[in-house]
């Protein structure tokens, strides 16, 4: 499922190259945190969320923080884990947060299974 993080990073790169503003993009992970989020959280929760609130750069968050994350035009979901049906709970939240575009990266079987669960 590490491939999901790589695919999400590639999606972000393509979005930026196509002209999307960095502040338009929110990346959510369903398993292990994205390395960027882990690094930024090492400076403390306040600094991490201050970057989110500034809204001028791509923001990476664990799905557990999705309720706190503001909507952005583009949400990229890295399906890099599915403990206890996390993906089925994540996709509706991600869809609510995405103003224009939702991109889901990861194992198709896991994603399709979650979609079949009533998402």
N, C-alpha and C. Protein backbone atom coordinates (compact mmCIF):
# COMPACT_ATOMS: atom_id res chain seq x y z
N UNK A 1 0.81 -1.20 0.00
CA UNK A 1 0.00 0.00 0.00
C UNK A 1 0.85 1.26 0.00
N UNK A 2 2.18 1.08 0.05
CA UNK A 2 3.07 2.23 -0.06
C UNK A 2 2.92 2.87 -1.42
N UNK A 3 2.50 2.09 -2.42
CA UNK A 3 2.27 2.62 -3.75
C UNK A 3 1.20 3.70 -3.77
N UNK A 4 0.27 3.63 -2.83
CA UNK A 4 -0.79 4.65 -2.76
C UNK A 4 -0.21 6.02 -2.44
N UNK A 5 0.78 6.07 -1.55
CA UNK A 5 1.42 7.35 -1.23
C UNK A 5 2.17 7.89 -2.45
N UNK A 6 2.87 7.00 -3.14
CA UNK A 6 3.58 7.42 -4.35
C UNK A 6 2.60 7.94 -5.40
N UNK A 7 1.50 7.24 -5.59
CA UNK A 7 0.49 7.67 -6.57
C UNK A 7 -0.12 9.01 -6.16
N UNK A 8 -0.37 9.20 -4.88
CA UNK A 8 -0.92 10.48 -4.41
C UNK A 8 0.08 11.61 -4.65
N UNK A 9 1.36 11.35 -4.38
CA UNK A 9 2.39 12.36 -4.64
C UNK A 9 2.45 12.70 -6.13
N UNK A 10 2.35 11.67 -6.98
CA UNK A 10 2.34 11.90 -8.42
C UNK A 10 1.13 12.73 -8.83
N UNK A 11 -0.02 12.43 -8.26
CA UNK A 11 -1.24 13.19 -8.56
C UNK A 11 -1.06 14.65 -8.18
N UNK A 12 -0.48 14.89 -7.01
CA UNK A 12 -0.24 16.27 -6.56
C UNK A 12 0.71 16.97 -7.53
N UNK A 13 1.78 16.29 -7.91
CA UNK A 13 2.73 16.89 -8.86
C UNK A 13 2.04 17.26 -10.17
N UNK A 14 1.21 16.35 -10.69
CA UNK A 14 0.50 16.63 -11.94
C UNK A 14 -0.48 17.79 -11.79
N UNK A 15 -1.15 17.85 -10.65
CA UNK A 15 -2.08 18.95 -10.40
C UNK A 15 -1.33 20.29 -10.38
N UNK A 16 -0.20 20.32 -9.71
CA UNK A 16 0.59 21.55 -9.63
C UNK A 16 1.13 21.94 -11.00
N UNK A 17 1.61 20.94 -11.74
CA UNK A 17 2.13 21.20 -13.09
C UNK A 17 1.05 21.70 -14.03
N UNK A 18 -0.20 21.30 -13.78
CA UNK A 18 -1.29 21.73 -14.66
C UNK A 18 -1.86 23.08 -14.25
N UNK A 19 -1.29 23.69 -13.21
CA UNK A 19 -1.70 25.03 -12.84
C UNK A 19 -2.51 25.17 -11.57
N UNK A 20 -2.80 24.07 -10.90
CA UNK A 20 -3.53 24.16 -9.63
C UNK A 20 -2.65 24.86 -8.59
N UNK A 21 -3.25 25.71 -7.80
CA UNK A 21 -2.52 26.37 -6.72
C UNK A 21 -2.29 25.36 -5.60
N UNK A 22 -1.12 25.40 -4.97
CA UNK A 22 -0.84 24.45 -3.89
C UNK A 22 -1.90 24.48 -2.79
N UNK A 23 -2.42 25.65 -2.48
CA UNK A 23 -3.43 25.78 -1.43
C UNK A 23 -4.77 25.18 -1.78
N UNK A 24 -4.93 24.76 -3.04
CA UNK A 24 -6.18 24.12 -3.48
C UNK A 24 -6.24 22.64 -3.13
N UNK A 25 -5.12 22.08 -2.64
CA UNK A 25 -5.01 20.62 -2.54
C UNK A 25 -4.89 20.14 -1.09
N UNK A 26 -5.75 19.19 -0.75
CA UNK A 26 -5.70 18.48 0.53
C UNK A 26 -5.44 17.02 0.24
N UNK A 27 -4.46 16.42 0.92
CA UNK A 27 -4.15 15.00 0.76
C UNK A 27 -4.48 14.30 2.07
N UNK A 28 -5.33 13.28 2.00
CA UNK A 28 -5.70 12.48 3.17
C UNK A 28 -5.12 11.08 3.02
N UNK A 29 -4.63 10.52 4.11
CA UNK A 29 -4.15 9.15 4.11
C UNK A 29 -5.03 8.31 5.02
N UNK A 30 -5.27 7.06 4.61
CA UNK A 30 -6.13 6.18 5.41
C UNK A 30 -5.33 5.26 6.32
N UNK A 31 -4.02 5.21 6.12
CA UNK A 31 -3.16 4.36 6.95
C UNK A 31 -2.09 5.22 7.59
N UNK A 32 -0.86 4.80 7.38
CA UNK A 32 0.28 5.54 7.92
C UNK A 32 0.28 6.96 7.37
N UNK A 33 0.70 7.92 8.22
CA UNK A 33 0.76 9.32 7.80
C UNK A 33 1.70 9.51 6.64
N UNK A 34 1.40 10.51 5.84
CA UNK A 34 2.33 10.92 4.79
C UNK A 34 3.59 11.45 5.50
N UNK A 35 4.77 11.17 4.94
CA UNK A 35 6.00 11.66 5.59
C UNK A 35 6.01 13.17 5.84
N UNK A 36 5.39 13.94 4.95
CA UNK A 36 5.35 15.39 5.16
C UNK A 36 4.60 15.72 6.44
N UNK A 37 3.45 15.08 6.65
CA UNK A 37 2.65 15.35 7.85
C UNK A 37 3.44 14.97 9.10
N UNK A 38 4.10 13.82 9.06
CA UNK A 38 4.90 13.40 10.21
C UNK A 38 6.00 14.40 10.52
N UNK A 39 6.66 14.89 9.48
CA UNK A 39 7.72 15.88 9.68
C UNK A 39 7.16 17.17 10.27
N UNK A 40 6.09 17.66 9.70
CA UNK A 40 5.51 18.92 10.18
C UNK A 40 4.96 18.80 11.59
N UNK A 41 4.38 17.66 11.91
CA UNK A 41 3.87 17.46 13.27
C UNK A 41 4.98 17.40 14.30
N UNK A 42 6.21 17.11 13.86
CA UNK A 42 7.33 17.09 14.80
C UNK A 42 7.60 18.49 15.37
N UNK A 43 7.08 19.52 14.73
CA UNK A 43 7.22 20.89 15.22
C UNK A 43 6.05 21.29 16.13
N UNK A 44 5.10 20.38 16.29
CA UNK A 44 3.97 20.62 17.18
C UNK A 44 2.67 20.80 16.42
N UNK A 45 1.58 20.45 17.12
CA UNK A 45 0.24 20.55 16.53
C UNK A 45 -0.11 21.98 16.11
N UNK A 46 0.25 22.96 16.94
CA UNK A 46 -0.12 24.35 16.64
C UNK A 46 0.49 24.81 15.32
N UNK A 47 1.77 24.53 15.11
CA UNK A 47 2.44 24.93 13.87
C UNK A 47 1.86 24.19 12.67
N UNK A 48 1.57 22.91 12.86
CA UNK A 48 0.99 22.08 11.80
C UNK A 48 -0.34 22.65 11.34
N UNK A 49 -1.24 22.92 12.30
CA UNK A 49 -2.57 23.44 11.93
C UNK A 49 -2.52 24.89 11.49
N UNK A 50 -1.50 25.63 11.90
CA UNK A 50 -1.34 27.00 11.40
C UNK A 50 -1.06 26.98 9.90
N UNK A 51 -0.29 25.98 9.45
CA UNK A 51 -0.05 25.84 8.02
C UNK A 51 -1.35 25.53 7.29
N UNK A 52 -2.16 24.67 7.88
CA UNK A 52 -3.47 24.36 7.29
C UNK A 52 -4.31 25.63 7.17
N UNK A 53 -4.38 26.36 8.26
CA UNK A 53 -5.23 27.56 8.30
C UNK A 53 -4.74 28.63 7.34
N UNK A 54 -3.42 28.70 7.10
CA UNK A 54 -2.89 29.68 6.14
C UNK A 54 -3.39 29.37 4.74
N UNK A 55 -3.56 28.08 4.43
CA UNK A 55 -4.15 27.68 3.16
C UNK A 55 -3.36 28.02 1.92
N UNK A 56 -2.04 28.18 2.07
CA UNK A 56 -1.26 28.57 0.90
C UNK A 56 -0.34 27.47 0.38
N UNK A 57 -0.49 26.25 0.91
CA UNK A 57 0.33 25.14 0.45
C UNK A 57 -0.50 23.86 0.49
N UNK A 58 -0.02 22.84 -0.21
CA UNK A 58 -0.64 21.52 -0.15
C UNK A 58 -0.62 21.10 1.32
N UNK A 59 -1.73 20.54 1.79
CA UNK A 59 -1.79 20.10 3.18
C UNK A 59 -2.05 18.61 3.23
N UNK A 60 -1.26 17.92 4.05
CA UNK A 60 -1.35 16.47 4.21
C UNK A 60 -1.87 16.15 5.59
N UNK A 61 -2.87 15.29 5.67
CA UNK A 61 -3.46 14.94 6.97
C UNK A 61 -3.87 13.47 6.99
N UNK A 62 -3.83 12.91 8.15
CA UNK A 62 -4.37 11.58 8.38
C UNK A 62 -5.89 11.70 8.36
N UNK A 63 -6.57 10.67 7.93
CA UNK A 63 -8.02 10.73 7.84
C UNK A 63 -8.66 11.04 9.19
N UNK A 64 -7.99 10.69 10.27
CA UNK A 64 -8.56 10.99 11.59
C UNK A 64 -8.70 12.49 11.82
N UNK A 65 -7.96 13.28 11.06
CA UNK A 65 -8.03 14.73 11.17
C UNK A 65 -8.91 15.35 10.09
N UNK A 66 -9.55 14.53 9.29
CA UNK A 66 -10.33 15.04 8.16
C UNK A 66 -11.46 15.96 8.60
N UNK A 67 -12.07 15.68 9.74
CA UNK A 67 -13.15 16.54 10.20
C UNK A 67 -12.67 17.95 10.50
N UNK A 68 -11.40 18.07 10.91
CA UNK A 68 -10.84 19.38 11.23
C UNK A 68 -10.35 20.11 9.97
N UNK A 69 -10.03 19.34 8.94
CA UNK A 69 -9.50 19.94 7.71
C UNK A 69 -10.62 20.65 6.94
N UNK A 70 -10.30 21.84 6.47
CA UNK A 70 -11.27 22.61 5.70
C UNK A 70 -11.41 22.05 4.30
N UNK A 71 -12.51 22.34 3.67
CA UNK A 71 -12.72 21.94 2.28
C UNK A 71 -11.70 22.64 1.40
N UNK A 72 -11.32 21.95 0.36
CA UNK A 72 -10.42 22.51 -0.64
C UNK A 72 -10.94 22.08 -2.00
N UNK A 73 -10.59 22.80 -3.06
CA UNK A 73 -11.09 22.41 -4.38
C UNK A 73 -10.73 20.97 -4.77
N UNK A 74 -9.54 20.52 -4.38
CA UNK A 74 -9.10 19.17 -4.75
C UNK A 74 -8.72 18.39 -3.49
N UNK A 75 -9.26 17.18 -3.38
CA UNK A 75 -8.86 16.27 -2.31
C UNK A 75 -8.31 15.02 -2.95
N UNK A 76 -7.10 14.64 -2.51
CA UNK A 76 -6.46 13.41 -2.96
C UNK A 76 -6.43 12.46 -1.77
N UNK A 77 -6.96 11.26 -1.95
CA UNK A 77 -6.97 10.26 -0.88
C UNK A 77 -5.97 9.17 -1.23
N UNK A 78 -5.02 8.95 -0.33
CA UNK A 78 -4.08 7.84 -0.48
C UNK A 78 -4.61 6.69 0.37
N UNK A 79 -5.13 5.67 -0.29
CA UNK A 79 -5.67 4.50 0.41
C UNK A 79 -4.48 3.58 0.72
N UNK A 80 -3.81 3.89 1.83
CA UNK A 80 -2.61 3.15 2.21
C UNK A 80 -2.84 2.32 3.47
N UNK A 81 -4.09 2.02 3.74
CA UNK A 81 -4.46 1.17 4.87
C UNK A 81 -5.98 1.15 4.99
N UNK A 82 -6.50 0.06 5.51
CA UNK A 82 -7.96 -0.06 5.64
C UNK A 82 -8.33 -0.77 6.95
N UNK A 83 -7.71 -0.34 8.03
CA UNK A 83 -8.01 -0.94 9.32
C UNK A 83 -9.47 -0.67 9.69
N UNK A 84 -10.20 -1.71 9.98
CA UNK A 84 -11.60 -1.60 10.43
C UNK A 84 -12.48 -0.78 9.49
N UNK A 85 -12.27 -0.93 8.19
CA UNK A 85 -13.14 -0.24 7.23
C UNK A 85 -12.91 1.25 7.12
N UNK A 86 -11.70 1.70 7.38
CA UNK A 86 -11.38 3.12 7.33
C UNK A 86 -11.73 3.74 5.98
N UNK A 87 -11.46 3.02 4.91
CA UNK A 87 -11.68 3.58 3.57
C UNK A 87 -13.17 3.87 3.36
N UNK A 88 -14.04 2.96 3.77
CA UNK A 88 -15.49 3.17 3.60
C UNK A 88 -15.96 4.40 4.36
N UNK A 89 -15.34 4.71 5.48
CA UNK A 89 -15.71 5.91 6.24
C UNK A 89 -15.04 7.16 5.68
N UNK A 90 -13.89 6.99 5.06
CA UNK A 90 -13.11 8.13 4.55
C UNK A 90 -13.69 8.72 3.28
N UNK A 91 -14.10 7.87 2.35
CA UNK A 91 -14.51 8.38 1.04
C UNK A 91 -15.67 9.38 1.10
N UNK A 92 -16.70 9.15 1.91
CA UNK A 92 -17.76 10.17 1.99
C UNK A 92 -17.26 11.50 2.56
N UNK A 93 -16.37 11.44 3.54
CA UNK A 93 -15.81 12.67 4.13
C UNK A 93 -14.97 13.39 3.09
N UNK A 94 -14.15 12.63 2.37
CA UNK A 94 -13.31 13.22 1.33
C UNK A 94 -14.17 13.87 0.24
N UNK A 95 -15.24 13.20 -0.13
CA UNK A 95 -16.14 13.74 -1.15
C UNK A 95 -16.76 15.05 -0.67
N UNK A 96 -17.11 15.14 0.61
CA UNK A 96 -17.66 16.38 1.16
C UNK A 96 -16.63 17.51 1.15
N UNK A 97 -15.36 17.18 1.38
CA UNK A 97 -14.30 18.18 1.45
C UNK A 97 -13.86 18.67 0.06
N UNK A 98 -14.09 17.85 -0.97
CA UNK A 98 -13.63 18.19 -2.31
C UNK A 98 -14.61 19.12 -3.01
N UNK A 99 -14.17 20.33 -3.28
CA UNK A 99 -15.04 21.29 -3.94
C UNK A 99 -15.24 21.00 -5.42
N UNK A 100 -14.20 20.50 -6.09
CA UNK A 100 -14.29 20.28 -7.53
C UNK A 100 -13.82 18.91 -7.97
N UNK A 101 -12.84 18.35 -7.28
CA UNK A 101 -12.21 17.13 -7.77
C UNK A 101 -11.79 16.24 -6.60
N UNK A 102 -12.12 14.96 -6.70
CA UNK A 102 -11.69 13.95 -5.73
C UNK A 102 -10.88 12.91 -6.48
N UNK A 103 -9.66 12.67 -6.02
CA UNK A 103 -8.78 11.67 -6.61
C UNK A 103 -8.49 10.63 -5.54
N UNK A 104 -8.72 9.36 -5.86
CA UNK A 104 -8.49 8.28 -4.90
C UNK A 104 -7.40 7.38 -5.47
N UNK A 105 -6.32 7.20 -4.70
CA UNK A 105 -5.17 6.41 -5.13
C UNK A 105 -5.01 5.21 -4.21
N UNK A 106 -4.81 4.04 -4.80
CA UNK A 106 -4.58 2.86 -3.99
C UNK A 106 -5.04 1.60 -4.68
N UNK A 107 -5.10 0.54 -3.92
CA UNK A 107 -5.49 -0.77 -4.42
C UNK A 107 -6.94 -0.73 -4.90
N UNK A 108 -7.17 -1.01 -6.19
CA UNK A 108 -8.54 -0.96 -6.72
C UNK A 108 -9.51 -1.87 -5.99
N UNK A 109 -9.06 -3.04 -5.58
CA UNK A 109 -9.95 -3.97 -4.88
C UNK A 109 -10.42 -3.37 -3.55
N UNK A 110 -9.51 -2.74 -2.81
CA UNK A 110 -9.88 -2.11 -1.54
C UNK A 110 -10.85 -0.96 -1.77
N UNK A 111 -10.56 -0.16 -2.79
CA UNK A 111 -11.42 0.99 -3.10
C UNK A 111 -12.80 0.52 -3.55
N UNK A 112 -12.84 -0.44 -4.46
CA UNK A 112 -14.12 -0.94 -4.95
C UNK A 112 -14.93 -1.60 -3.84
N UNK A 113 -14.25 -2.30 -2.95
CA UNK A 113 -14.92 -2.91 -1.81
C UNK A 113 -15.57 -1.84 -0.93
N UNK A 114 -14.84 -0.76 -0.70
CA UNK A 114 -15.37 0.35 0.11
C UNK A 114 -16.55 0.99 -0.60
N UNK A 115 -16.45 1.17 -1.90
CA UNK A 115 -17.56 1.77 -2.66
C UNK A 115 -18.78 0.87 -2.63
N UNK A 116 -18.55 -0.42 -2.65
CA UNK A 116 -19.65 -1.38 -2.58
C UNK A 116 -20.31 -1.42 -1.21
N UNK A 117 -19.62 -0.85 -0.23
CA UNK A 117 -20.14 -0.85 1.13
C UNK A 117 -21.12 0.30 1.35
N UNK A 118 -21.52 0.94 0.28
CA UNK A 118 -22.55 1.96 0.41
C UNK A 118 -22.06 3.38 0.40
N UNK A 119 -20.87 3.60 -0.12
CA UNK A 119 -20.32 4.95 -0.18
C UNK A 119 -21.01 5.72 -1.28
